[in-house]
Amino acid sequence: LITGKSSAQTFAAGGYHTCAVSATGGLVCWGGNDDGQL
């Protein structure tokens, strides 16, 4: 938000959740999780 710089390479927006892949291949998700989609 301060610099406009970022490091993640890929994003995926689902119906109620979002996931991201970093430059090193790490994977994180956030949002709705009723079905374990995170």
PDB file of all heavy atoms in Angstrom:
ATOM      1  N   LEU A   1       0.817  -1.206   0.000  1.00  0.00           N
ATOM      2  CA  LEU A   1       0.000   0.000   0.000  1.00  0.00           C
ATOM      3  C   LEU A   1       0.858   1.266   0.000  1.00  0.00           C
ATOM      4  O   LEU A   1       0.460   2.298  -0.525  1.00  0.00           O
ATOM      5  CB  LEU A   1      -0.930  -0.003   1.215  1.00  0.00           C
ATOM      6  CG  LEU A   1      -1.990  -1.118   1.222  1.00  0.00           C
ATOM      7  CD1 LEU A   1      -2.776  -1.074   2.524  1.00  0.00           C
ATOM      8  CD2 LEU A   1      -2.915  -0.976   0.027  1.00  0.00           C
ATOM      9  N   ILE A   2       2.058   1.173   0.570  1.00  0.00           N
ATOM     10  CA  ILE A   2       2.946   2.327   0.626  1.00  0.00           C
ATOM     11  C   ILE A   2       3.771   2.473  -0.646  1.00  0.00           C
ATOM     12  O   ILE A   2       3.911   3.553  -1.209  1.00  0.00           O
ATOM     13  CB  ILE A   2       3.890   2.226   1.842  1.00  0.00           C
ATOM     14  CG1 ILE A   2       3.065   2.286   3.134  1.00  0.00           C
ATOM     15  CG2 ILE A   2       4.934   3.339   1.827  1.00  0.00           C
ATOM     16  CD1 ILE A   2       3.886   1.976   4.366  1.00  0.00           C
ATOM     17  N   THR A   3       4.304   1.333  -1.130  1.00  0.00           N
ATOM     18  CA  THR A   3       5.255   1.395  -2.246  1.00  0.00           C
ATOM     19  C   THR A   3       4.705   0.906  -3.570  1.00  0.00           C
ATOM     20  O   THR A   3       5.265   1.190  -4.620  1.00  0.00           O
ATOM     21  CB  THR A   3       6.503   0.549  -1.919  1.00  0.00           C
ATOM     22  OG1 THR A   3       6.122  -0.842  -1.883  1.00  0.00           O
ATOM     23  CG2 THR A   3       7.091   0.942  -0.579  1.00  0.00           C
ATOM     24  N   GLY A   4       3.619   0.131  -3.528  1.00  0.00           N
ATOM     25  CA  GLY A   4       3.097  -0.447  -4.758  1.00  0.00           C
ATOM     26  C   GLY A   4       3.856  -1.673  -5.204  1.00  0.00           C
ATOM     27  O   GLY A   4       3.569  -2.247  -6.248  1.00  0.00           O
ATOM     28  N   LYS A   5       4.846  -2.151  -4.441  1.00  0.00           N
ATOM     29  CA  LYS A   5       5.641  -3.311  -4.812  1.00  0.00           C
ATOM     30  C   LYS A   5       5.014  -4.578  -4.252  1.00  0.00           C
ATOM     31  O   LYS A   5       4.388  -4.564  -3.205  1.00  0.00           O
ATOM     32  CB  LYS A   5       7.078  -3.158  -4.306  1.00  0.00           C
ATOM     33  CG  LYS A   5       7.819  -1.990  -4.932  1.00  0.00           C
ATOM     34  CD  LYS A   5       9.233  -1.880  -4.397  1.00  0.00           C
ATOM     35  CE  LYS A   5       9.974  -0.711  -5.046  1.00  0.00           C
ATOM     36  NZ  LYS A   5      11.358  -0.592  -4.524  1.00  0.00           N
ATOM     37  N   SER A   6       5.209  -5.705  -4.938  1.00  0.00           N
ATOM     38  CA  SER A   6       4.600  -6.952  -4.515  1.00  0.00           C
ATOM     39  C   SER A   6       5.481  -8.129  -4.892  1.00  0.00           C
ATOM     40  O   SER A   6       6.407  -7.998  -5.679  1.00  0.00           O
ATOM     41  CB  SER A   6       3.226  -7.126  -5.172  1.00  0.00           C
ATOM     42  OG  SER A   6       3.344  -7.106  -6.582  1.00  0.00           O
ATOM     43  N   SER A   7       5.185  -9.316  -4.297  1.00  0.00           N
ATOM     44  CA  SER A   7       6.035 -10.474  -4.529  1.00  0.00           C
ATOM     45  C   SER A   7       5.289 -11.710  -4.981  1.00  0.00           C
ATOM     46  O   SER A   7       5.902 -12.649  -5.443  1.00  0.00           O
ATOM     47  CB  SER A   7       6.802 -10.813  -3.246  1.00  0.00           C
ATOM     48  OG  SER A   7       5.890 -11.116  -2.205  1.00  0.00           O
ATOM     49  N   ALA A   8       3.973 -11.780  -4.835  1.00  0.00           N
ATOM     50  CA  ALA A   8       3.251 -12.968  -5.260  1.00  0.00           C
ATOM     51  C   ALA A   8       3.170 -13.028  -6.781  1.00  0.00           C
ATOM     52  O   ALA A   8       3.140 -12.007  -7.457  1.00  0.00           O
ATOM     53  CB  ALA A   8       1.854 -12.985  -4.665  1.00  0.00           C
ATOM     54  N   GLN A   9       3.147 -14.250  -7.315  1.00  0.00           N
ATOM     55  CA  GLN A   9       3.188 -14.455  -8.749  1.00  0.00           C
ATOM     56  C   GLN A   9       1.828 -14.792  -9.353  1.00  0.00           C
ATOM     57  O   GLN A   9       1.561 -14.464 -10.489  1.00  0.00           O
ATOM     58  CB  GLN A   9       4.184 -15.578  -9.066  1.00  0.00           C
ATOM     59  CG  GLN A   9       5.596 -15.300  -8.567  1.00  0.00           C
ATOM     60  CD  GLN A   9       6.202 -14.063  -9.185  1.00  0.00           C
ATOM     61  OE1 GLN A   9       6.403 -14.010 -10.391  1.00  0.00           O
ATOM     62  NE2 GLN A   9       6.475 -13.060  -8.382  1.00  0.00           N
ATOM     63  N   THR A  10       0.976 -15.490  -8.607  1.00  0.00           N
ATOM     64  CA  THR A  10      -0.290 -15.951  -9.141  1.00  0.00           C
ATOM     65  C   THR A  10      -1.382 -15.819  -8.092  1.00  0.00           C
ATOM     66  O   THR A  10      -1.163 -16.128  -6.934  1.00  0.00           O
ATOM     67  CB  THR A  10      -0.186 -17.428  -9.569  1.00  0.00           C
ATOM     68  OG1 THR A  10       0.861 -17.568 -10.517  1.00  0.00           O
ATOM     69  CG2 THR A  10      -1.486 -17.905 -10.201  1.00  0.00           C
ATOM     70  N   PHE A  11      -2.562 -15.369  -8.522  1.00  0.00           N
ATOM     71  CA  PHE A  11      -3.724 -15.277  -7.654  1.00  0.00           C
ATOM     72  C   PHE A  11      -4.869 -16.089  -8.242  1.00  0.00           C
ATOM     73  O   PHE A  11      -4.953 -16.261  -9.455  1.00  0.00           O
ATOM     74  CB  PHE A  11      -4.186 -13.821  -7.522  1.00  0.00           C
ATOM     75  CG  PHE A  11      -3.586 -13.103  -6.348  1.00  0.00           C
ATOM     76  CD1 PHE A  11      -2.277 -12.684  -6.380  1.00  0.00           C
ATOM     77  CD2 PHE A  11      -4.339 -12.858  -5.224  1.00  0.00           C
ATOM     78  CE1 PHE A  11      -1.716 -12.016  -5.314  1.00  0.00           C
ATOM     79  CE2 PHE A  11      -3.793 -12.188  -4.139  1.00  0.00           C
ATOM     80  CZ  PHE A  11      -2.483 -11.770  -4.179  1.00  0.00           C
ATOM     81  N   ALA A  12      -5.748 -16.574  -7.382  1.00  0.00           N
ATOM     82  CA  ALA A  12      -6.962 -17.250  -7.822  1.00  0.00           C
ATOM     83  C   ALA A  12      -8.098 -16.835  -6.918  1.00  0.00           C
ATOM     84  O   ALA A  12      -8.054 -17.062  -5.710  1.00  0.00           O
ATOM     85  CB  ALA A  12      -6.781 -18.764  -7.783  1.00  0.00           C
ATOM     86  N   ALA A  13      -9.131 -16.203  -7.486  1.00  0.00           N
ATOM     87  CA  ALA A  13     -10.296 -15.778  -6.715  1.00  0.00           C
ATOM     88  C   ALA A  13     -11.422 -16.770  -6.918  1.00  0.00           C
ATOM     89  O   ALA A  13     -11.911 -16.956  -8.032  1.00  0.00           O
ATOM     90  CB  ALA A  13     -10.739 -14.381  -7.156  1.00  0.00           C
ATOM     91  N   GLY A  14     -11.815 -17.467  -5.855  1.00  0.00           N
ATOM     92  CA  GLY A  14     -12.942 -18.380  -5.917  1.00  0.00           C
ATOM     93  C   GLY A  14     -14.236 -17.676  -5.571  1.00  0.00           C
ATOM     94  O   GLY A  14     -14.285 -16.449  -5.452  1.00  0.00           O
ATOM     95  N   GLY A  15     -15.307 -18.438  -5.396  1.00  0.00           N
ATOM     96  CA  GLY A  15     -16.600 -17.846  -5.098  1.00  0.00           C
ATOM     97  C   GLY A  15     -16.602 -17.081  -3.792  1.00  0.00           C
ATOM     98  O   GLY A  15     -17.139 -15.981  -3.705  1.00  0.00           O
ATOM     99  N   TYR A  16     -15.985 -17.652  -2.752  1.00  0.00           N
ATOM    100  CA  TYR A  16     -15.957 -17.021  -1.444  1.00  0.00           C
ATOM    101  C   TYR A  16     -14.557 -16.968  -0.845  1.00  0.00           C
ATOM    102  O   TYR A  16     -14.398 -16.632   0.326  1.00  0.00           O
ATOM    103  CB  TYR A  16     -16.871 -17.781  -0.469  1.00  0.00           C
ATOM    104  CG  TYR A  16     -18.335 -17.721  -0.816  1.00  0.00           C
ATOM    105  CD1 TYR A  16     -18.966 -18.805  -1.432  1.00  0.00           C
ATOM    106  CD2 TYR A  16     -19.097 -16.597  -0.532  1.00  0.00           C
ATOM    107  CE1 TYR A  16     -20.305 -18.761  -1.758  1.00  0.00           C
ATOM    108  CE2 TYR A  16     -20.441 -16.544  -0.846  1.00  0.00           C
ATOM    109  CZ  TYR A  16     -21.047 -17.626  -1.456  1.00  0.00           C
ATOM    110  OH  TYR A  16     -22.385 -17.579  -1.770  1.00  0.00           O
ATOM    111  N   HIS A  17     -13.546 -17.332  -1.607  1.00  0.00           N
ATOM    112  CA  HIS A  17     -12.197 -17.377  -1.048  1.00  0.00           C
ATOM    113  C   HIS A  17     -11.181 -16.983  -2.111  1.00  0.00           C
ATOM    114  O   HIS A  17     -11.501 -16.877  -3.297  1.00  0.00           O
ATOM    115  CB  HIS A  17     -11.874 -18.776  -0.507  1.00  0.00           C
ATOM    116  CG  HIS A  17     -11.646 -19.820  -1.562  1.00  0.00           C
ATOM    117  ND1 HIS A  17     -12.638 -20.249  -2.401  1.00  0.00           N
ATOM    118  CD2 HIS A  17     -10.531 -20.532  -1.908  1.00  0.00           C
ATOM    119  CE1 HIS A  17     -12.166 -21.186  -3.213  1.00  0.00           C
ATOM    120  NE2 HIS A  17     -10.889 -21.368  -2.942  1.00  0.00           N
ATOM    121  N   THR A  18      -9.955 -16.741  -1.647  1.00  0.00           N
ATOM    122  CA  THR A  18      -8.872 -16.344  -2.539  1.00  0.00           C
ATOM    123  C   THR A  18      -7.599 -17.069  -2.123  1.00  0.00           C
ATOM    124  O   THR A  18      -7.387 -17.322  -0.943  1.00  0.00           O
ATOM    125  CB  THR A  18      -8.627 -14.819  -2.459  1.00  0.00           C
ATOM    126  OG1 THR A  18      -9.869 -14.137  -2.639  1.00  0.00           O
ATOM    127  CG2 THR A  18      -7.656 -14.367  -3.537  1.00  0.00           C
ATOM    128  N   CYS A  19      -6.758 -17.400  -3.102  1.00  0.00           N
ATOM    129  CA  CYS A  19      -5.471 -18.045  -2.830  1.00  0.00           C
ATOM    130  C   CYS A  19      -4.385 -17.345  -3.626  1.00  0.00           C
ATOM    131  O   CYS A  19      -4.652 -16.724  -4.659  1.00  0.00           O
ATOM    132  CB  CYS A  19      -5.498 -19.523  -3.195  1.00  0.00           C
ATOM    133  SG  CYS A  19      -6.625 -20.526  -2.191  1.00  0.00           S
ATOM    134  N   ALA A  20      -3.162 -17.446  -3.143  1.00  0.00           N
ATOM    135  CA  ALA A  20      -2.035 -16.807  -3.812  1.00  0.00           C
ATOM    136  C   ALA A  20      -0.809 -17.715  -3.748  1.00  0.00           C
ATOM    137  O   ALA A  20      -0.597 -18.422  -2.770  1.00  0.00           O
ATOM    138  CB  ALA A  20      -1.713 -15.464  -3.159  1.00  0.00           C
ATOM    139  N   VAL A  21      -0.004 -17.670  -4.826  1.00  0.00           N
ATOM    140  CA  VAL A  21       1.266 -18.392  -4.902  1.00  0.00           C
ATOM    141  C   VAL A  21       2.385 -17.370  -4.920  1.00  0.00           C
ATOM    142  O   VAL A  21       2.349 -16.414  -5.703  1.00  0.00           O
ATOM    143  CB  VAL A  21       1.344 -19.261  -6.172  1.00  0.00           C
ATOM    144  CG1 VAL A  21       2.676 -20.010  -6.229  1.00  0.00           C
ATOM    145  CG2 VAL A  21       0.185 -20.243  -6.220  1.00  0.00           C
ATOM    146  N   SER A  22       3.391 -17.553  -4.064  1.00  0.00           N
ATOM    147  CA  SER A  22       4.503 -16.616  -4.012  1.00  0.00           C
ATOM    148  C   SER A  22       5.551 -16.956  -5.057  1.00  0.00           C
ATOM    149  O   SER A  22       5.487 -17.987  -5.730  1.00  0.00           O
ATOM    150  CB  SER A  22       5.158 -16.641  -2.628  1.00  0.00           C
ATOM    151  OG  SER A  22       5.978 -17.793  -2.502  1.00  0.00           O
ATOM    152  N   ALA A  23       6.543 -16.091  -5.185  1.00  0.00           N
ATOM    153  CA  ALA A  23       7.639 -16.316  -6.134  1.00  0.00           C
ATOM    154  C   ALA A  23       8.416 -17.579  -5.806  1.00  0.00           C
ATOM    155  O   ALA A  23       9.055 -18.179  -6.673  1.00  0.00           O
ATOM    156  CB  ALA A  23       8.575 -15.109  -6.138  1.00  0.00           C
ATOM    157  N   THR A  24       8.361 -18.023  -4.542  1.00  0.00           N
ATOM    158  CA  THR A  24       9.064 -19.231  -4.137  1.00  0.00           C
ATOM    159  C   THR A  24       8.161 -20.461  -4.120  1.00  0.00           C
ATOM    160  O   THR A  24       8.584 -21.538  -3.705  1.00  0.00           O
ATOM    161  CB  THR A  24       9.678 -19.045  -2.736  1.00  0.00           C
ATOM    162  OG1 THR A  24       8.634 -18.674  -1.828  1.00  0.00           O
ATOM    163  CG2 THR A  24      10.744 -17.975  -2.758  1.00  0.00           C
ATOM    164  N   GLY A  25       6.919 -20.313  -4.576  1.00  0.00           N
ATOM    165  CA  GLY A  25       6.013 -21.451  -4.658  1.00  0.00           C
ATOM    166  C   GLY A  25       5.200 -21.712  -3.420  1.00  0.00           C
ATOM    167  O   GLY A  25       4.475 -22.708  -3.349  1.00  0.00           O
ATOM    168  N   GLY A  26       5.288 -20.853  -2.405  1.00  0.00           N
ATOM    169  CA  GLY A  26       4.458 -21.008  -1.220  1.00  0.00           C
ATOM    170  C   GLY A  26       3.007 -20.707  -1.535  1.00  0.00           C
ATOM    171  O   GLY A  26       2.698 -19.952  -2.456  1.00  0.00           O
ATOM    172  N   LEU A  27       2.083 -21.285  -0.785  1.00  0.00           N
ATOM    173  CA  LEU A  27       0.667 -21.163  -1.100  1.00  0.00           C
ATOM    174  C   LEU A  27      -0.127 -20.784   0.145  1.00  0.00           C
ATOM    175  O   LEU A  27      -0.039 -21.443   1.181  1.00  0.00           O
ATOM    176  CB  LEU A  27       0.158 -22.497  -1.652  1.00  0.00           C
ATOM    177  CG  LEU A  27      -1.289 -22.576  -2.121  1.00  0.00           C
ATOM    178  CD1 LEU A  27      -1.574 -21.536  -3.192  1.00  0.00           C
ATOM    179  CD2 LEU A  27      -1.573 -23.961  -2.668  1.00  0.00           C
ATOM    180  N   VAL A  28      -0.913 -19.699   0.052  1.00  0.00           N
ATOM    181  CA  VAL A  28      -1.776 -19.256   1.139  1.00  0.00           C
ATOM    182  C   VAL A  28      -3.177 -18.983   0.613  1.00  0.00           C
ATOM    183  O   VAL A  28      -3.364 -18.684  -0.567  1.00  0.00           O
ATOM    184  CB  VAL A  28      -1.238 -17.979   1.821  1.00  0.00           C
ATOM    185  CG1 VAL A  28       0.047 -18.257   2.560  1.00  0.00           C
ATOM    186  CG2 VAL A  28      -1.061 -16.860   0.805  1.00  0.00           C
ATOM    187  N   CYS A  29      -4.173 -19.092   1.506  1.00  0.00           N
ATOM    188  CA  CYS A  29      -5.563 -18.816   1.142  1.00  0.00           C
ATOM    189  C   CYS A  29      -6.249 -18.066   2.280  1.00  0.00           C
ATOM    190  O   CYS A  29      -5.794 -18.109   3.427  1.00  0.00           O
ATOM    191  CB  CYS A  29      -6.318 -20.120   0.873  1.00  0.00           C
ATOM    192  SG  CYS A  29      -5.698 -21.106  -0.509  1.00  0.00           S
ATOM    193  N   TRP A  30      -7.362 -17.398   1.953  1.00  0.00           N
ATOM    194  CA  TRP A  30      -8.141 -16.690   2.972  1.00  0.00           C
ATOM    195  C   TRP A  30      -9.577 -16.541   2.488  1.00  0.00           C
ATOM    196  O   TRP A  30      -9.880 -16.703   1.308  1.00  0.00           O
ATOM    197  CB  TRP A  30      -7.532 -15.320   3.281  1.00  0.00           C
ATOM    198  CG  TRP A  30      -7.452 -14.367   2.117  1.00  0.00           C
ATOM    199  CD1 TRP A  30      -8.352 -13.400   1.765  1.00  0.00           C
ATOM    200  CD2 TRP A  30      -6.395 -14.286   1.143  1.00  0.00           C
ATOM    201  NE1 TRP A  30      -7.934 -12.723   0.643  1.00  0.00           N
ATOM    202  CE2 TRP A  30      -6.733 -13.237   0.250  1.00  0.00           C
ATOM    203  CE3 TRP A  30      -5.203 -14.994   0.944  1.00  0.00           C
ATOM    204  CZ2 TRP A  30      -5.920 -12.897  -0.840  1.00  0.00           C
ATOM    205  CZ3 TRP A  30      -4.394 -14.649  -0.129  1.00  0.00           C
ATOM    206  CH2 TRP A  30      -4.752 -13.612  -1.006  1.00  0.00           C
ATOM    207  N   GLY A  31     -10.489 -16.268   3.449  1.00  0.00           N
ATOM    208  CA  GLY A  31     -11.899 -16.080   3.115  1.00  0.00           C
ATOM    209  C   GLY A  31     -12.767 -17.204   3.641  1.00  0.00           C
ATOM    210  O   GLY A  31     -12.475 -17.822   4.662  1.00  0.00           O
ATOM    211  N   GLY A  32     -13.878 -17.483   2.921  1.00  0.00           N
ATOM    212  CA  GLY A  32     -14.816 -18.525   3.322  1.00  0.00           C
ATOM    213  C   GLY A  32     -14.174 -19.898   3.306  1.00  0.00           C
ATOM    214  O   GLY A  32     -13.335 -20.198   2.455  1.00  0.00           O
ATOM    215  N   ASN A  33     -14.614 -20.755   4.258  1.00  0.00           N
ATOM    216  CA  ASN A  33     -13.947 -22.047   4.416  1.00  0.00           C
ATOM    217  C   ASN A  33     -14.923 -23.135   4.832  1.00  0.00           C
ATOM    218  O   ASN A  33     -14.528 -24.128   5.444  1.00  0.00           O
ATOM    219  CB  ASN A  33     -12.820 -21.910   5.458  1.00  0.00           C
ATOM    220  CG  ASN A  33     -11.817 -23.032   5.402  1.00  0.00           C
ATOM    221  OD1 ASN A  33     -11.603 -23.658   4.367  1.00  0.00           O
ATOM    222  ND2 ASN A  33     -11.184 -23.312   6.527  1.00  0.00           N
ATOM    223  N   ASP A  34     -16.204 -22.985   4.482  1.00  0.00           N
ATOM    224  CA  ASP A  34     -17.211 -23.951   4.910  1.00  0.00           C
ATOM    225  C   ASP A  34     -16.909 -25.367   4.433  1.00  0.00           C
ATOM    226  O   ASP A  34     -17.261 -26.345   5.095  1.00  0.00           O
ATOM    227  CB  ASP A  34     -18.596 -23.543   4.396  1.00  0.00           C
ATOM    228  CG  ASP A  34     -19.138 -22.325   5.117  1.00  0.00           C
ATOM    229  OD1 ASP A  34     -18.533 -21.915   6.124  1.00  0.00           O
ATOM    230  OD2 ASP A  34     -20.156 -21.777   4.657  1.00  0.00           O
ATOM    231  N   ASP A  35     -16.294 -25.487   3.268  1.00  0.00           N
ATOM    232  CA  ASP A  35     -16.016 -26.801   2.690  1.00  0.00           C
ATOM    233  C   ASP A  35     -14.542 -27.179   2.781  1.00  0.00           C
ATOM    234  O   ASP A  35     -14.102 -28.128   2.143  1.00  0.00           O
ATOM    235  CB  ASP A  35     -16.454 -26.829   1.228  1.00  0.00           C
ATOM    236  CG  ASP A  35     -17.949 -26.620   1.074  1.00  0.00           C
ATOM    237  OD1 ASP A  35     -18.717 -27.443   1.598  1.00  0.00           O
ATOM    238  OD2 ASP A  35     -18.361 -25.625   0.445  1.00  0.00           O
ATOM    239  N   GLY A  36     -13.768 -26.405   3.558  1.00  0.00           N
ATOM    240  CA  GLY A  36     -12.345 -26.697   3.668  1.00  0.00           C
ATOM    241  C   GLY A  36     -11.532 -26.222   2.491  1.00  0.00           C
ATOM    242  O   GLY A  36     -10.411 -26.670   2.277  1.00  0.00           O
ATOM    243  N   GLN A  37     -12.066 -25.263   1.714  1.00  0.00           N
ATOM    244  CA  GLN A  37     -11.394 -24.820   0.495  1.00  0.00           C
ATOM    245  C   GLN A  37     -10.123 -24.013   0.739  1.00  0.00           C
ATOM    246  O   GLN A  37      -9.377 -23.734  -0.204  1.00  0.00           O
ATOM    247  CB  GLN A  37     -12.351 -24.021  -0.400  1.00  0.00           C
ATOM    248  CG  GLN A  37     -12.965 -22.784   0.227  1.00  0.00           C
ATOM    249  CD  GLN A  37     -14.343 -23.042   0.784  1.00  0.00           C
ATOM    250  OE1 GLN A  37     -14.550 -23.964   1.569  1.00  0.00           O
ATOM    251  NE2 GLN A  37     -15.309 -22.216   0.394  1.00  0.00           N
ATOM    252  N   LEU A  38      -9.862 -23.643   1.998  1.00  0.00           N
ATOM    253  CA  LEU A  38      -8.599 -22.961   2.305  1.00  0.00           C
ATOM    254  C   LEU A  38      -7.467 -23.951   2.548  1.00  0.00           C
ATOM    255  O   LEU A  38      -6.292 -23.558   2.556  1.00  0.00           O
ATOM    256  CB  LEU A  38      -8.762 -22.053   3.528  1.00  0.00           C
ATOM    257  CG  LEU A  38      -9.836 -20.970   3.448  1.00  0.00           C
ATOM    258  CD1 LEU A  38      -9.718 -20.030   4.632  1.00  0.00           C
ATOM    259  CD2 LEU A  38      -9.754 -20.193   2.131  1.00  0.00           C
TER     260      LEU A  38
END
